[in-house]
Amino acid sequence: MSENINQTQAKKYILVMEDDKFYGNIFQTKLTEEGFDVTVATDGEKGLEEASKRKPDLILLDLIMPIKDGFEVLKFLKESATLKDVNIIIISNLGQEDDVNKALAMGAVDYLIKANISLQEAVDKVKKYFNDKA
């Protein structure tokens, strides 16, 4: 566990929408160790339910998910009066330029390709995002 947890991080709530349970669990464990409050949703519909119950400070969103895919979720969030300002980082194996451009054009603040980034690098991006906002 990080000994000098940034107080702003300790209050930040992150919703991870990831259908791969293993990947979701390691994200939850690592981000919790860094002092974040983390919930994992394993499909887009559950993710939207969670976001509606408790507005996240940040969403890590996979694009390939059952029930509602990441693009559907992103569209819904950006059209929602209460959730449109939630910042969303895409974390996906879809690495085509068209997918990246589409997600960013739809309002995602960043796009991470799972195959090109380690778990620690992804966590560091999340921490940097909040530190830049502080």
Protein backbone atom coordinates (compact mmCIF):
# COMPACT_ATOMS: atom_id res chain seq x y z
CA MET A 1 0.00 0.00 0.00
CA SER A 2 1.31 3.45 -0.86
CA GLU A 3 2.37 5.18 2.32
CA ASN A 4 1.85 8.75 1.17
CA ILE A 5 -1.58 8.55 -0.33
CA ASN A 6 -2.56 11.84 -1.87
CA GLN A 7 -5.59 13.07 0.07
CA THR A 8 -7.41 14.07 -3.11
CA GLN A 9 -6.96 10.52 -4.43
CA ALA A 10 -8.39 9.01 -1.25
CA LYS A 11 -11.70 10.69 -2.03
CA LYS A 12 -11.82 9.84 -5.73
CA TYR A 13 -14.28 7.24 -6.94
CA ILE A 14 -13.36 5.25 -10.06
CA LEU A 15 -15.76 3.00 -11.91
CA VAL A 16 -14.04 0.31 -13.98
CA MET A 17 -16.24 -1.12 -16.75
CA GLU A 18 -14.43 -4.28 -17.82
CA ASP A 19 -15.97 -7.63 -18.79
CA ASP A 20 -12.75 -9.58 -18.21
CA LYS A 21 -13.12 -10.39 -14.50
CA PHE A 22 -9.40 -11.04 -14.03
CA TYR A 23 -8.44 -7.72 -15.58
CA GLY A 24 -11.17 -5.88 -13.66
CA ASN A 25 -10.05 -7.43 -10.37
CA ILE A 26 -6.38 -6.57 -10.82
CA PHE A 27 -7.36 -3.00 -11.72
CA GLN A 28 -9.56 -2.80 -8.64
CA THR A 29 -6.82 -4.18 -6.39
CA LYS A 30 -4.10 -1.92 -7.76
CA LEU A 31 -6.20 1.27 -7.75
CA THR A 32 -7.51 0.52 -4.24
CA GLU A 33 -3.90 0.10 -3.06
CA GLU A 34 -3.24 3.57 -4.48
CA GLY A 35 -6.01 5.02 -2.33
CA PHE A 36 -8.90 5.18 -4.77
CA ASP A 37 -12.44 3.96 -4.12
CA VAL A 38 -13.11 1.48 -6.95
CA THR A 39 -16.11 -0.45 -8.25
CA VAL A 40 -15.99 -2.89 -11.16
CA ALA A 41 -18.92 -3.52 -13.51
CA THR A 42 -18.66 -6.48 -15.89
CA ASP A 43 -21.00 -5.24 -18.60
CA GLY A 44 -22.13 -1.91 -19.99
CA GLU A 45 -25.62 -2.07 -18.52
CA LYS A 46 -24.35 -2.78 -14.99
CA GLY A 47 -21.79 -0.01 -15.46
CA LEU A 48 -24.49 2.51 -16.32
CA GLU A 49 -26.53 1.39 -13.30
CA GLU A 50 -23.50 1.88 -11.03
CA ALA A 51 -22.72 5.30 -12.54
CA SER A 52 -26.34 6.36 -12.02
CA LYS A 53 -26.31 5.22 -8.38
CA ARG A 54 -23.05 6.97 -7.53
CA LYS A 55 -21.46 9.45 -9.91
CA PRO A 56 -17.82 8.49 -10.49
CA ASP A 57 -14.93 10.95 -10.65
CA LEU A 58 -13.49 8.86 -13.47
CA ILE A 59 -14.56 5.87 -15.56
CA LEU A 60 -12.15 3.36 -17.08
CA LEU A 61 -14.16 1.97 -19.97
CA ASP A 62 -13.52 -1.13 -22.06
CA LEU A 63 -15.11 -1.01 -25.52
CA ILE A 64 -15.80 -4.71 -26.04
CA MET A 65 -18.40 -5.66 -23.42
CA PRO A 66 -21.64 -7.65 -23.32
CA ILE A 67 -25.16 -6.16 -23.28
CA LYS A 68 -24.01 -2.58 -24.03
CA ASP A 69 -20.62 -2.05 -25.62
CA GLY A 70 -18.29 0.78 -24.68
CA PHE A 71 -19.38 3.03 -27.54
CA GLU A 72 -23.04 2.69 -26.45
CA VAL A 73 -22.05 3.43 -22.85
CA LEU A 74 -19.95 6.43 -23.88
CA LYS A 75 -22.83 7.83 -25.98
CA PHE A 76 -25.30 7.38 -23.11
CA LEU A 77 -22.97 9.01 -20.57
CA LYS A 78 -22.25 12.03 -22.75
CA GLU A 79 -26.00 12.52 -23.41
CA SER A 80 -26.91 12.21 -19.71
CA ALA A 81 -27.60 15.49 -17.91
CA THR A 82 -26.08 14.17 -14.66
CA LEU A 83 -23.18 12.10 -16.04
CA LYS A 84 -22.03 14.04 -19.13
CA ASP A 85 -19.15 15.72 -17.27
CA VAL A 86 -17.68 12.45 -15.92
CA ASN A 87 -14.23 11.94 -17.41
CA ILE A 88 -13.78 8.68 -19.28
CA ILE A 89 -10.54 6.92 -20.15
CA ILE A 90 -10.95 4.15 -22.70
CA ILE A 91 -8.89 1.05 -21.98
CA SER A 92 -9.33 -1.43 -24.80
CA ASN A 93 -7.63 -3.86 -27.12
CA LEU A 94 -9.25 -2.07 -30.06
CA GLY A 95 -6.28 -0.16 -31.40
CA GLN A 96 -7.47 0.88 -34.85
CA GLU A 97 -7.08 4.58 -35.51
CA ASP A 98 -10.80 4.80 -36.39
CA ASP A 99 -11.80 3.40 -32.97
CA VAL A 100 -9.41 5.74 -31.13
CA ASN A 101 -10.60 8.78 -33.08
CA LYS A 102 -14.27 7.83 -32.64
CA ALA A 103 -13.94 7.42 -28.86
CA LEU A 104 -12.05 10.70 -28.46
CA ALA A 105 -14.55 12.52 -30.70
CA MET A 106 -17.37 11.13 -28.55
CA GLY A 107 -15.83 12.68 -25.45
CA ALA A 108 -13.28 10.28 -23.94
CA VAL A 109 -10.35 12.14 -22.36
CA ASP A 110 -7.75 9.46 -23.15
CA TYR A 111 -7.41 6.12 -24.93
CA LEU A 112 -5.15 3.35 -23.65
CA ILE A 113 -4.52 0.19 -25.65
CA LYS A 114 -4.27 -2.77 -23.25
CA ALA A 115 -1.70 -4.63 -25.34
CA ASN A 116 0.58 -1.58 -25.41
CA ILE A 117 0.49 -0.56 -21.75
CA SER A 118 1.26 -2.32 -18.48
CA LEU A 119 -1.10 -2.28 -15.52
CA GLN A 120 1.30 0.01 -13.67
CA GLU A 121 1.48 2.43 -16.60
CA ALA A 122 -2.33 2.54 -16.71
CA VAL A 123 -2.52 3.20 -12.96
CA ASP A 124 0.15 5.91 -13.31
CA LYS A 125 -1.97 7.55 -16.06
CA VAL A 126 -4.98 7.58 -13.72
CA LYS A 127 -2.93 9.08 -10.88
CA LYS A 128 -1.40 11.67 -13.22
CA TYR A 129 -4.86 12.57 -14.47
CA PHE A 130 -6.04 13.40 -10.93
CA ASN A 131 -2.78 15.14 -10.01
CA ASP A 132 -3.08 17.33 -13.12
CA LYS A 133 -6.64 18.25 -12.04
CA ALA A 134 -5.58 19.14 -8.49
